[in-house]
Amino acid sequence: MIKFRAWHMPFGPKGAMQEMVHGKASRLLAFAEMSPDEYIVEQYTGIKDVNGNYIYEGDVLENPKYRSVVKFGSGSFYADVIGAVNRFPLAGEWQTSVVIGNVHTNPELLEEEK
């Protein structure tokens, strides 16, 4: 099943604001097409984490070995390991990961652990 989520990122009176927008894929894509500077559309990967949560582009995953960000490139989804140059296909051990946040509401998760 193809699913999308979108982040509405308008510029408000106190700076950039953001909110997640849910709805039919056609509606979300239409919003993004009409106002490309205001919407970031992210696709569902087709995989759920160990808790049954859908994994989308932009999600931050954690497993015992790595923390990573889900990205799309070269025709497939992959896990981009934070603090390393490693990329892994989003399969196998990544399905045992947990979604701990996303790049929009939890930017602090993108910092390399010390």
PDB file of N, CA and C in Angstrom:
ATOM      1  N   MET A   1       0.842  -1.166   0.000  1.00  0.00           N
ATOM      2  CA  MET A   1       0.000   0.000   0.000  1.00  0.00           C
ATOM      3  C   MET A   1       0.896   1.241   0.000  1.00  0.00           C
ATOM      4  N   ILE A   2       0.600   2.176  -0.877  1.00  0.00           N
ATOM      5  CA  ILE A   2       1.354   3.420  -0.937  1.00  0.00           C
ATOM      6  C   ILE A   2       0.673   4.430  -0.029  1.00  0.00           C
ATOM      7  N   LYS A   3       1.441   4.929   0.952  1.00  0.00           N
ATOM      8  CA  LYS A   3       0.942   5.926   1.890  1.00  0.00           C
ATOM      9  C   LYS A   3       1.933   7.073   1.931  1.00  0.00           C
ATOM     10  N   PHE A   4       1.411   8.224   2.237  1.00  0.00           N
ATOM     11  CA  PHE A   4       2.252   9.401   2.374  1.00  0.00           C
ATOM     12  C   PHE A   4       1.871  10.153   3.645  1.00  0.00           C
ATOM     13  N   ARG A   5       2.796  10.936   4.127  1.00  0.00           N
ATOM     14  CA  ARG A   5       2.499  11.939   5.143  1.00  0.00           C
ATOM     15  C   ARG A   5       3.152  13.214   4.636  1.00  0.00           C
ATOM     16  N   ALA A   6       2.652  14.333   5.092  1.00  0.00           N
ATOM     17  CA  ALA A   6       3.222  15.609   4.652  1.00  0.00           C
ATOM     18  C   ALA A   6       3.417  16.512   5.851  1.00  0.00           C
ATOM     19  N   TRP A   7       4.462  17.296   5.784  1.00  0.00           N
ATOM     20  CA  TRP A   7       4.734  18.308   6.796  1.00  0.00           C
ATOM     21  C   TRP A   7       4.430  19.648   6.165  1.00  0.00           C
ATOM     22  N   HIS A   8       3.530  20.384   6.792  1.00  0.00           N
ATOM     23  CA  HIS A   8       3.194  21.719   6.339  1.00  0.00           C
ATOM     24  C   HIS A   8       4.136  22.663   7.061  1.00  0.00           C
ATOM     25  N   MET A   9       4.931  23.392   6.319  1.00  0.00           N
ATOM     26  CA  MET A   9       5.989  24.215   6.884  1.00  0.00           C
ATOM     27  C   MET A   9       5.806  25.689   6.498  1.00  0.00           C
ATOM     28  N   PRO A  10       4.677  26.309   6.878  1.00  0.00           N
ATOM     29  CA  PRO A  10       4.499  27.722   6.512  1.00  0.00           C
ATOM     30  C   PRO A  10       5.384  28.621   7.358  1.00  0.00           C
ATOM     31  N   PHE A  11       5.593  29.806   6.872  1.00  0.00           N
ATOM     32  CA  PHE A  11       6.359  30.795   7.624  1.00  0.00           C
ATOM     33  C   PHE A  11       5.368  31.657   8.374  1.00  0.00           C
ATOM     34  N   GLY A  12       5.368  31.555   9.691  1.00  0.00           N
ATOM     35  CA  GLY A  12       4.408  32.274  10.522  1.00  0.00           C
ATOM     36  C   GLY A  12       4.968  33.575  11.054  1.00  0.00           C
ATOM     37  N   PRO A  13       4.201  34.260  11.896  1.00  0.00           N
ATOM     38  CA  PRO A  13       4.629  35.555  12.434  1.00  0.00           C
ATOM     39  C   PRO A  13       5.881  35.463  13.301  1.00  0.00           C
ATOM     40  N   LYS A  14       6.158  34.297  13.862  1.00  0.00           N
ATOM     41  CA  LYS A  14       7.345  34.130  14.707  1.00  0.00           C
ATOM     42  C   LYS A  14       8.367  33.208  14.066  1.00  0.00           C
ATOM     43  N   GLY A  15       8.319  33.050  12.756  1.00  0.00           N
ATOM     44  CA  GLY A  15       9.276  32.201  12.065  1.00  0.00           C
ATOM     45  C   GLY A  15       8.607  30.971  11.496  1.00  0.00           C
ATOM     46  N   ALA A  16       9.433  30.011  11.126  1.00  0.00           N
ATOM     47  CA  ALA A  16       8.922  28.784  10.507  1.00  0.00           C
ATOM     48  C   ALA A  16       8.113  27.979  11.514  1.00  0.00           C
ATOM     49  N   MET A  17       6.979  27.479  11.074  1.00  0.00           N
ATOM     50  CA  MET A  17       6.128  26.615  11.896  1.00  0.00           C
ATOM     51  C   MET A  17       6.016  25.286  11.162  1.00  0.00           C
ATOM     52  N   GLN A  18       5.572  24.256  11.854  1.00  0.00           N
ATOM     53  CA  GLN A  18       5.379  22.985  11.180  1.00  0.00           C
ATOM     54  C   GLN A  18       4.268  22.201  11.831  1.00  0.00           C
ATOM     55  N   GLU A  19       3.588  21.425  11.010  1.00  0.00           N
ATOM     56  CA  GLU A  19       2.556  20.527  11.500  1.00  0.00           C
ATOM     57  C   GLU A  19       2.455  19.365  10.523  1.00  0.00           C
ATOM     58  N   MET A  20       2.152  18.187  11.054  1.00  0.00           N
ATOM     59  CA  MET A  20       1.969  17.036  10.192  1.00  0.00           C
ATOM     60  C   MET A  20       0.546  17.070   9.653  1.00  0.00           C
ATOM     61  N   VAL A  21       0.427  16.795   8.357  1.00  0.00           N
ATOM     62  CA  VAL A  21      -0.869  16.787   7.702  1.00  0.00           C
ATOM     63  C   VAL A  21      -1.163  15.359   7.271  1.00  0.00           C
ATOM     64  N   HIS A  22      -2.334  14.869   7.612  1.00  0.00           N
ATOM     65  CA  HIS A  22      -2.745  13.530   7.211  1.00  0.00           C
ATOM     66  C   HIS A  22      -3.875  13.656   6.203  1.00  0.00           C
ATOM     67  N   GLY A  23      -3.978  12.693   5.336  1.00  0.00           N
ATOM     68  CA  GLY A  23      -5.070  12.695   4.375  1.00  0.00           C
ATOM     69  C   GLY A  23      -4.771  11.751   3.237  1.00  0.00           C
ATOM     70  N   LYS A  24      -5.630  11.770   2.259  1.00  0.00           N
ATOM     71  CA  LYS A  24      -5.439  10.916   1.086  1.00  0.00           C
ATOM     72  C   LYS A  24      -4.198  11.361   0.331  1.00  0.00           C
ATOM     73  N   ALA A  25      -3.525  10.392  -0.261  1.00  0.00           N
ATOM     74  CA  ALA A  25      -2.292  10.687  -0.983  1.00  0.00           C
ATOM     75  C   ALA A  25      -2.524  11.732  -2.070  1.00  0.00           C
ATOM     76  N   SER A  26      -3.624  11.633  -2.795  1.00  0.00           N
ATOM     77  CA  SER A  26      -3.877  12.575  -3.883  1.00  0.00           C
ATOM     78  C   SER A  26      -4.001  14.000  -3.352  1.00  0.00           C
ATOM     79  N   ARG A  27      -4.623  14.155  -2.191  1.00  0.00           N
ATOM     80  CA  ARG A  27      -4.788  15.486  -1.597  1.00  0.00           C
ATOM     81  C   ARG A  27      -3.443  16.038  -1.134  1.00  0.00           C
ATOM     82  N   LEU A  28      -2.645  15.208  -0.469  1.00  0.00           N
ATOM     83  CA  LEU A  28      -1.341  15.655   0.016  1.00  0.00           C
ATOM     84  C   LEU A  28      -0.425  16.040  -1.134  1.00  0.00           C
ATOM     85  N   LEU A  29      -0.424  15.231  -2.170  1.00  0.00           N
ATOM     86  CA  LEU A  29       0.432  15.519  -3.321  1.00  0.00           C
ATOM     87  C   LEU A  29      -0.033  16.775  -4.049  1.00  0.00           C
ATOM     88  N   ALA A  30      -1.349  17.006  -4.093  1.00  0.00           N
ATOM     89  CA  ALA A  30      -1.879  18.220  -4.718  1.00  0.00           C
ATOM     90  C   ALA A  30      -1.439  19.454  -3.939  1.00  0.00           C
ATOM     91  N   PHE A  31      -1.515  19.398  -2.591  1.00  0.00           N
ATOM     92  CA  PHE A  31      -1.050  20.517  -1.773  1.00  0.00           C
ATOM     93  C   PHE A  31       0.421  20.803  -2.055  1.00  0.00           C
ATOM     94  N   ALA A  32       1.216  19.741  -2.091  1.00  0.00           N
ATOM     95  CA  ALA A  32       2.656  19.900  -2.301  1.00  0.00           C
ATOM     96  C   ALA A  32       2.955  20.458  -3.685  1.00  0.00           C
ATOM     97  N   GLU A  33       2.164  20.084  -4.654  1.00  0.00           N
ATOM     98  CA  GLU A  33       2.378  20.585  -6.013  1.00  0.00           C
ATOM     99  C   GLU A  33       2.006  22.062  -6.113  1.00  0.00           C
ATOM    100  N   MET A  34       0.930  22.447  -5.429  1.00  0.00           N
ATOM    101  CA  MET A  34       0.482  23.846  -5.474  1.00  0.00           C
ATOM    102  C   MET A  34       1.396  24.765  -4.674  1.00  0.00           C
ATOM    103  N   SER A  35       1.965  24.274  -3.577  1.00  0.00           N
ATOM    104  CA  SER A  35       2.825  25.091  -2.710  1.00  0.00           C
ATOM    105  C   SER A  35       4.075  24.296  -2.332  1.00  0.00           C
ATOM    106  N   PRO A  36       4.971  24.077  -3.288  1.00  0.00           N
ATOM    107  CA  PRO A  36       6.126  23.210  -3.010  1.00  0.00           C
ATOM    108  C   PRO A  36       7.056  23.726  -1.914  1.00  0.00           C
ATOM    109  N   ASP A  37       7.051  25.030  -1.659  1.00  0.00           N
ATOM    110  CA  ASP A  37       7.910  25.564  -0.599  1.00  0.00           C
ATOM    111  C   ASP A  37       7.320  25.379   0.784  1.00  0.00           C
ATOM    112  N   GLU A  38       6.040  24.980   0.860  1.00  0.00           N
ATOM    113  CA  GLU A  38       5.377  24.853   2.150  1.00  0.00           C
ATOM    114  C   GLU A  38       5.172  23.413   2.604  1.00  0.00           C
ATOM    115  N   TYR A  39       5.337  22.441   1.709  1.00  0.00           N
ATOM    116  CA  TYR A  39       5.046  21.054   2.057  1.00  0.00           C
ATOM    117  C   TYR A  39       6.240  20.152   1.776  1.00  0.00           C
ATOM    118  N   ILE A  40       6.497  19.253   2.713  1.00  0.00           N
ATOM    119  CA  ILE A  40       7.484  18.189   2.526  1.00  0.00           C
ATOM    120  C   ILE A  40       6.700  16.888   2.595  1.00  0.00           C
ATOM    121  N   VAL A  41       6.695  16.153   1.485  1.00  0.00           N
ATOM    122  CA  VAL A  41       5.935  14.904   1.404  1.00  0.00           C
ATOM    123  C   VAL A  41       6.896  13.741   1.610  1.00  0.00           C
ATOM    124  N   GLU A  42       6.499  12.809   2.465  1.00  0.00           N
ATOM    125  CA  GLU A  42       7.327  11.638   2.753  1.00  0.00           C
ATOM    126  C   GLU A  42       6.504  10.378   2.543  1.00  0.00           C
ATOM    127  N   GLN A  43       7.128   9.388   1.936  1.00  0.00           N
ATOM    128  CA  GLN A  43       6.431   8.150   1.589  1.00  0.00           C
ATOM    129  C   GLN A  43       6.685   7.052   2.620  1.00  0.00           C
ATOM    130  N   TYR A  44       5.661   6.240   2.819  1.00  0.00           N
ATOM    131  CA  TYR A  44       5.760   5.047   3.665  1.00  0.00           C
ATOM    132  C   TYR A  44       6.661   4.037   2.961  1.00  0.00           C
ATOM    133  N   THR A  45       7.542   3.405   3.706  1.00  0.00           N
ATOM    134  CA  THR A  45       8.521   2.481   3.131  1.00  0.00           C
ATOM    135  C   THR A  45       7.962   1.086   2.853  1.00  0.00           C
ATOM    136  N   GLY A  46       6.803   0.785   3.408  1.00  0.00           N
ATOM    137  CA  GLY A  46       6.257  -0.563   3.286  1.00  0.00           C
ATOM    138  C   GLY A  46       6.694  -1.473   4.424  1.00  0.00           C
ATOM    139  N   ILE A  47       7.425  -0.898   5.382  1.00  0.00           N
ATOM    140  CA  ILE A  47       7.956  -1.656   6.510  1.00  0.00           C
ATOM    141  C   ILE A  47       7.447  -1.036   7.809  1.00  0.00           C
ATOM    142  N   LYS A  48       7.203  -1.886   8.797  1.00  0.00           N
ATOM    143  CA  LYS A  48       6.847  -1.418  10.135  1.00  0.00           C
ATOM    144  C   LYS A  48       7.990  -1.736  11.080  1.00  0.00           C
ATOM    145  N   ASP A  49       8.084  -0.963  12.158  1.00  0.00           N
ATOM    146  CA  ASP A  49       9.106  -1.256  13.169  1.00  0.00           C
ATOM    147  C   ASP A  49       8.626  -2.377  14.078  1.00  0.00           C
ATOM    148  N   VAL A  50       9.413  -2.722  15.077  1.00  0.00           N
ATOM    149  CA  VAL A  50       9.070  -3.840  15.959  1.00  0.00           C
ATOM    150  C   VAL A  50       7.796  -3.584  16.762  1.00  0.00           C
ATOM    151  N   ASN A  51       7.411  -2.322  16.897  1.00  0.00           N
ATOM    152  CA  ASN A  51       6.191  -1.982  17.628  1.00  0.00           C
ATOM    153  C   ASN A  51       4.973  -1.839  16.715  1.00  0.00           C
ATOM    154  N   GLY A  52       5.159  -2.109  15.427  1.00  0.00           N
ATOM    155  CA  GLY A  52       4.052  -2.016  14.486  1.00  0.00           C
ATOM    156  C   GLY A  52       3.822  -0.627  13.920  1.00  0.00           C
ATOM    157  N   ASN A  53       4.738   0.312  14.172  1.00  0.00           N
ATOM    158  CA  ASN A  53       4.622   1.669  13.624  1.00  0.00           C
ATOM    159  C   ASN A  53       5.110   1.698  12.185  1.00  0.00           C
ATOM    160  N   TYR A  54       4.393   2.426  11.340  1.00  0.00           N
ATOM    161  CA  TYR A  54       4.823   2.592   9.954  1.00  0.00           C
ATOM    162  C   TYR A  54       6.133   3.370   9.924  1.00  0.00           C
ATOM    163  N   ILE A  55       7.049   2.952   9.031  1.00  0.00           N
ATOM    164  CA  ILE A  55       8.314   3.656   8.868  1.00  0.00           C
ATOM    165  C   ILE A  55       8.228   4.492   7.589  1.00  0.00           C
ATOM    166  N   TYR A  56       8.422   5.805   7.739  1.00  0.00           N
ATOM    167  CA  TYR A  56       8.374   6.755   6.633  1.00  0.00           C
ATOM    168  C   TYR A  56       9.751   7.359   6.388  1.00  0.00           C
ATOM    169  N   GLU A  57       9.909   7.950   5.212  1.00  0.00           N
ATOM    170  CA  GLU A  57      11.091   8.762   4.953  1.00  0.00           C
ATOM    171  C   GLU A  57      11.179   9.809   6.061  1.00  0.00           C
ATOM    172  N   GLY A  58      12.383  10.127   6.484  1.00  0.00           N
ATOM    173  CA  GLY A  58      12.560  11.140   7.510  1.00  0.00           C
ATOM    174  C   GLY A  58      12.455  10.628   8.928  1.00  0.00           C
ATOM    175  N   ASP A  59      12.066   9.367   9.099  1.00  0.00           N
ATOM    176  CA  ASP A  59      12.006   8.811  10.451  1.00  0.00           C
ATOM    177  C   ASP A  59      13.417   8.508  10.947  1.00  0.00           C
ATOM    178  N   VAL A  60      13.590   8.622  12.252  1.00  0.00           N
ATOM    179  CA  VAL A  60      14.855   8.254  12.885  1.00  0.00           C
ATOM    180  C   VAL A  60      14.637   6.895  13.529  1.00  0.00           C
ATOM    181  N   LEU A  61      15.479   5.943  13.146  1.00  0.00           N
ATOM    182  CA  LEU A  61      15.381   4.571  13.657  1.00  0.00           C
ATOM    183  C   LEU A  61      16.533   4.288  14.612  1.00  0.00           C
ATOM    184  N   GLU A  62      16.247   3.408  15.559  1.00  0.00           N
ATOM    185  CA  GLU A  62      17.314   2.981  16.460  1.00  0.00           C
ATOM    186  C   GLU A  62      17.225   1.483  16.640  1.00  0.00           C
ATOM    187  N   ASN A  63      18.382   0.841  16.587  1.00  0.00           N
ATOM    188  CA  ASN A  63      18.494  -0.570  16.928  1.00  0.00           C
ATOM    189  C   ASN A  63      19.733  -0.696  17.806  1.00  0.00           C
ATOM    190  N   PRO A  64      20.046  -1.870  18.312  1.00  0.00           N
ATOM    191  CA  PRO A  64      21.196  -1.979  19.228  1.00  0.00           C
ATOM    192  C   PRO A  64      22.531  -1.513  18.645  1.00  0.00           C
ATOM    193  N   LYS A  65      22.680  -1.529  17.331  1.00  0.00           N
ATOM    194  CA  LYS A  65      23.956  -1.155  16.723  1.00  0.00           C
ATOM    195  C   LYS A  65      24.021   0.302  16.268  1.00  0.00           C
ATOM    196  N   TYR A  66      22.926   0.817  15.711  1.00  0.00           N
ATOM    197  CA  TYR A  66      22.976   2.105  15.037  1.00  0.00           C
ATOM    198  C   TYR A  66      21.747   2.958  15.305  1.00  0.00           C
ATOM    199  N   ARG A  67      21.929   4.254  15.071  1.00  0.00           N
ATOM    200  CA  ARG A  67      20.815   5.190  14.928  1.00  0.00           C
ATOM    201  C   ARG A  67      20.925   5.698  13.497  1.00  0.00           C
ATOM    202  N   SER A  68      19.809   5.755  12.794  1.00  0.00           N
ATOM    203  CA  SER A  68      19.857   6.143  11.389  1.00  0.00           C
ATOM    204  C   SER A  68      18.620   6.937  10.993  1.00  0.00           C
ATOM    205  N   VAL A  69      18.721   7.572   9.824  1.00  0.00           N
ATOM    206  CA  VAL A  69      17.610   8.322   9.234  1.00  0.00           C
ATOM    207  C   VAL A  69      17.193   7.600   7.967  1.00  0.00           C
ATOM    208  N   VAL A  70      15.886   7.449   7.778  1.00  0.00           N
ATOM    209  CA  VAL A  70      15.356   6.796   6.583  1.00  0.00           C
ATOM    210  C   VAL A  70      15.334   7.804   5.441  1.00  0.00           C
ATOM    211  N   LYS A  71      15.927   7.401   4.318  1.00  0.00           N
ATOM    212  CA  LYS A  71      15.989   8.260   3.128  1.00  0.00           C
ATOM    213  C   LYS A  71      15.621   7.445   1.899  1.00  0.00           C
ATOM    214  N   PHE A  72      15.398   8.151   0.789  1.00  0.00           N
ATOM    215  CA  PHE A  72      15.096   7.504  -0.483  1.00  0.00           C
ATOM    216  C   PHE A  72      16.082   8.018  -1.515  1.00  0.00           C
ATOM    217  N   GLY A  73      16.649   7.105  -2.281  1.00  0.00           N
ATOM    218  CA  GLY A  73      17.575   7.482  -3.337  1.00  0.00           C
ATOM    219  C   GLY A  73      17.897   6.308  -4.217  1.00  0.00           C
ATOM    220  N   SER A  74      18.201   6.575  -5.461  1.00  0.00           N
ATOM    221  CA  SER A  74      18.539   5.525  -6.436  1.00  0.00           C
ATOM    222  C   SER A  74      17.458   4.455  -6.506  1.00  0.00           C
ATOM    223  N   GLY A  75      16.216   4.865  -6.343  1.00  0.00           N
ATOM    224  CA  GLY A  75      15.096   3.947  -6.516  1.00  0.00           C
ATOM    225  C   GLY A  75      14.741   3.074  -5.330  1.00  0.00           C
ATOM    226  N   SER A  76      15.352   3.324  -4.155  1.00  0.00           N
ATOM    227  CA  SER A  76      15.006   2.496  -3.003  1.00  0.00           C
ATOM    228  C   SER A  76      15.196   3.267  -1.698  1.00  0.00           C
ATOM    229  N   PHE A  77      14.585   2.743  -0.649  1.00  0.00           N
ATOM    230  CA  PHE A  77      14.737   3.321   0.684  1.00  0.00           C
ATOM    231  C   PHE A  77      15.998   2.754   1.320  1.00  0.00           C
ATOM    232  N   TYR A  78      16.663   3.580   2.120  1.00  0.00           N
ATOM    233  CA  TYR A  78      17.852   3.104   2.824  1.00  0.00           C
ATOM    234  C   TYR A  78      17.951   3.793   4.179  1.00  0.00           C
ATOM    235  N   ALA A  79      18.749   3.208   5.049  1.00  0.00           N
ATOM    236  CA  ALA A  79      19.022   3.760   6.373  1.00  0.00           C
ATOM    237  C   ALA A  79      20.394   4.413   6.325  1.00  0.00           C
ATOM    238  N   ASP A  80      20.444   5.706   6.569  1.00  0.00           N
ATOM    239  CA  ASP A  80      21.683   6.483   6.573  1.00  0.00           C
ATOM    240  C   ASP A  80      22.131   6.605   8.027  1.00  0.00           C
ATOM    241  N   VAL A  81      23.205   5.922   8.377  1.00  0.00           N
ATOM    242  CA  VAL A  81      23.669   5.863   9.765  1.00  0.00           C
ATOM    243  C   VAL A  81      24.187   7.233  10.208  1.00  0.00           C
ATOM    244  N   ILE A  82      23.700   7.702  11.352  1.00  0.00           N
ATOM    245  CA  ILE A  82      24.104   8.996  11.891  1.00  0.00           C
ATOM    246  C   ILE A  82      25.530   8.902  12.420  1.00  0.00           C
ATOM    247  N   GLY A  83      26.359   9.849  12.012  1.00  0.00           N
ATOM    248  CA  GLY A  83      27.742   9.897  12.482  1.00  0.00           C
ATOM    249  C   GLY A  83      28.675   8.963  11.740  1.00  0.00           C
ATOM    250  N   ALA A  84      28.220   8.401  10.633  1.00  0.00           N
ATOM    251  CA  ALA A  84      29.056   7.494   9.839  1.00  0.00           C
ATOM    252  C   ALA A  84      28.739   7.719   8.363  1.00  0.00           C
ATOM    253  N   VAL A  85      29.507   7.109   7.512  1.00  0.00           N
ATOM    254  CA  VAL A  85      29.249   7.221   6.080  1.00  0.00           C
ATOM    255  C   VAL A  85      28.551   5.972   5.550  1.00  0.00           C
ATOM    256  N   ASN A  86      28.004   5.182   6.446  1.00  0.00           N
ATOM    257  CA  ASN A  86      27.357   3.926   6.060  1.00  0.00           C
ATOM    258  C   ASN A  86      25.912   4.148   5.645  1.00  0.00           C
ATOM    259  N   ARG A  87      25.527   3.419   4.612  1.00  0.00           N
ATOM    260  CA  ARG A  87      24.137   3.351   4.172  1.00  0.00           C
ATOM    261  C   ARG A  87      23.790   1.876   4.043  1.00  0.00           C
ATOM    262  N   PHE A  88      22.601   1.529   4.511  1.00  0.00           N
ATOM    263  CA  PHE A  88      22.168   0.142   4.416  1.00  0.00           C
ATOM    264  C   PHE A  88      20.785   0.082   3.797  1.00  0.00           C
ATOM    265  N   PRO A  89      20.517  -0.926   2.975  1.00  0.00           N
ATOM    266  CA  PRO A  89      19.154  -1.094   2.469  1.00  0.00           C
ATOM    267  C   PRO A  89      18.190  -1.231   3.634  1.00  0.00           C
ATOM    268  N   LEU A  90      17.008  -0.709   3.484  1.00  0.00           N
ATOM    269  CA  LEU A  90      16.025  -0.768   4.560  1.00  0.00           C
ATOM    270  C   LEU A  90      15.355  -2.139   4.540  1.00  0.00           C
ATOM    271  N   ALA A  91      16.035  -3.101   5.087  1.00  0.00           N
ATOM    272  CA  ALA A  91      15.550  -4.488   5.158  1.00  0.00           C
ATOM    273  C   ALA A  91      16.350  -5.189   6.247  1.00  0.00           C
ATOM    274  N   GLY A  92      16.070  -6.441   6.432  1.00  0.00           N
ATOM    275  CA  GLY A  92      16.841  -7.238   7.384  1.00  0.00           C
ATOM    276  C   GLY A  92      16.800  -6.676   8.782  1.00  0.00           C
ATOM    277  N   GLU A  93      17.984  -6.340   9.335  1.00  0.00           N
ATOM    278  CA  GLU A  93      18.076  -5.890  10.722  1.00  0.00           C
ATOM    279  C   GLU A  93      17.322  -4.593  10.978  1.00  0.00           C
ATOM    280  N   TRP A  94      17.060  -3.810   9.963  1.00  0.00           N
ATOM    281  CA  TRP A  94      16.340  -2.549  10.170  1.00  0.00           C
ATOM    282  C   TRP A  94      14.891  -2.792  10.551  1.00  0.00           C
ATOM    283  N   GLN A  95      14.373  -3.957  10.198  1.00  0.00           N
ATOM    284  CA  GLN A  95      13.004  -4.279  10.587  1.00  0.00           C
ATOM    285  C   GLN A  95      12.910  -4.582  12.082  1.00  0.00           C
ATOM    286  N   THR A  96      14.037  -4.719  12.748  1.00  0.00           N
ATOM    287  CA  THR A  96      14.044  -4.917  14.199  1.00  0.00           C
ATOM    288  C   THR A  96      14.298  -3.596  14.923  1.00  0.00           C
ATOM    289  N   SER A  97      14.275  -2.503  14.185  1.00  0.00           N
ATOM    290  CA  SER A  97      14.505  -1.180  14.747  1.00  0.00           C
ATOM    291  C   SER A  97      13.220  -0.598  15.316  1.00  0.00           C
ATOM    292  N   VAL A  98      13.386   0.503  16.025  1.00  0.00           N
ATOM    293  CA  VAL A  98      12.265   1.232  16.607  1.00  0.00           C
ATOM    294  C   VAL A  98      12.300   2.662  16.061  1.00  0.00           C
ATOM    295  N   VAL A  99      11.145   3.178  15.646  1.00  0.00           N
ATOM    296  CA  VAL A  99      11.045   4.581  15.262  1.00  0.00           C
ATOM    297  C   VAL A  99      11.072   5.396  16.547  1.00  0.00           C
ATOM    298  N   ILE A 100      12.100   6.249  16.688  1.00  0.00           N
ATOM    299  CA  ILE A 100      12.221   7.050  17.911  1.00  0.00           C
ATOM    300  C   ILE A 100      11.894   8.523  17.665  1.00  0.00           C
ATOM    301  N   GLY A 101      11.595   8.874  16.443  1.00  0.00           N
ATOM    302  CA  GLY A 101      11.257  10.254  16.113  1.00  0.00           C
ATOM    303  C   GLY A 101      11.388  10.489  14.630  1.00  0.00           C
ATOM    304  N   ASN A 102      11.450  11.756  14.249  1.00  0.00           N
ATOM    305  CA  ASN A 102      11.648  12.108  12.846  1.00  0.00           C
ATOM    306  C   ASN A 102      12.469  13.385  12.764  1.00  0.00           C
ATOM    307  N   VAL A 103      12.964  13.662  11.575  1.00  0.00           N
ATOM    308  CA  VAL A 103      13.886  14.780  11.388  1.00  0.00           C
ATOM    309  C   VAL A 103      13.232  16.141  11.602  1.00  0.00           C
ATOM    310  N   HIS A 104      11.909  16.205  11.562  1.00  0.00           N
ATOM    311  CA  HIS A 104      11.223  17.488  11.685  1.00  0.00           C
ATOM    312  C   HIS A 104      10.959  17.877  13.133  1.00  0.00           C
ATOM    313  N   THR A 105      10.488  16.939  13.935  1.00  0.00           N
ATOM    314  CA  THR A 105      10.135  17.274  15.319  1.00  0.00           C
ATOM    315  C   THR A 105      11.218  16.892  16.320  1.00  0.00           C
ATOM    316  N   ASN A 106      12.199  16.111  15.893  1.00  0.00           N
ATOM    317  CA  ASN A 106      13.261  15.669  16.803  1.00  0.00           C
ATOM    318  C   ASN A 106      14.650  15.866  16.194  1.00  0.00           C
ATOM    319  N   PRO A 107      15.020  17.089  15.809  1.00  0.00           N
ATOM    320  CA  PRO A 107      16.330  17.295  15.175  1.00  0.00           C
ATOM    321  C   PRO A 107      17.505  16.929  16.084  1.00  0.00           C
ATOM    322  N   GLU A 108      17.280  16.949  17.395  1.00  0.00           N
ATOM    323  CA  GLU A 108      18.352  16.592  18.321  1.00  0.00           C
ATOM    324  C   GLU A 108      18.780  15.132  18.165  1.00  0.00           C
ATOM    325  N   LEU A 109      17.913  14.295  17.608  1.00  0.00           N
ATOM    326  CA  LEU A 109      18.258  12.889  17.396  1.00  0.00           C
ATOM    327  C   LEU A 109      19.281  12.701  16.277  1.00  0.00           C
ATOM    328  N   LEU A 110      19.486  13.748  15.477  1.00  0.00           N
ATOM    329  CA  LEU A 110      20.438  13.657  14.370  1.00  0.00           C
ATOM    330  C   LEU A 110      21.874  13.909  14.807  1.00  0.00           C
ATOM    331  N   GLU A 111      22.037  14.329  16.056  1.00  0.00           N
ATOM    332  CA  GLU A 111      23.380  14.572  16.567  1.00  0.00           C
ATOM    333  C   GLU A 111      24.063  13.254  16.875  1.00  0.00           C
ATOM    334  N   GLU A 112      25.335  13.196  16.540  1.00  0.00           N
ATOM    335  CA  GLU A 112      26.113  11.995  16.797  1.00  0.00           C
ATOM    336  C   GLU A 112      26.243  11.765  18.291  1.00  0.00           C
ATOM    337  N   GLU A 113      26.021  10.520  18.710  1.00  0.00           N
ATOM    338  CA  GLU A 113      26.188  10.186  20.133  1.00  0.00           C
ATOM    339  C   GLU A 113      27.648  10.217  20.499  1.00  0.00           C
ATOM    340  N   LYS A 114      27.926  10.678  21.708  1.00  0.00           N
ATOM    341  CA  LYS A 114      29.320  10.774  22.148  1.00  0.00           C
ATOM    342  C   LYS A 114      29.648   9.710  23.152  1.00  0.00           C
TER     343      LYS A 114
END
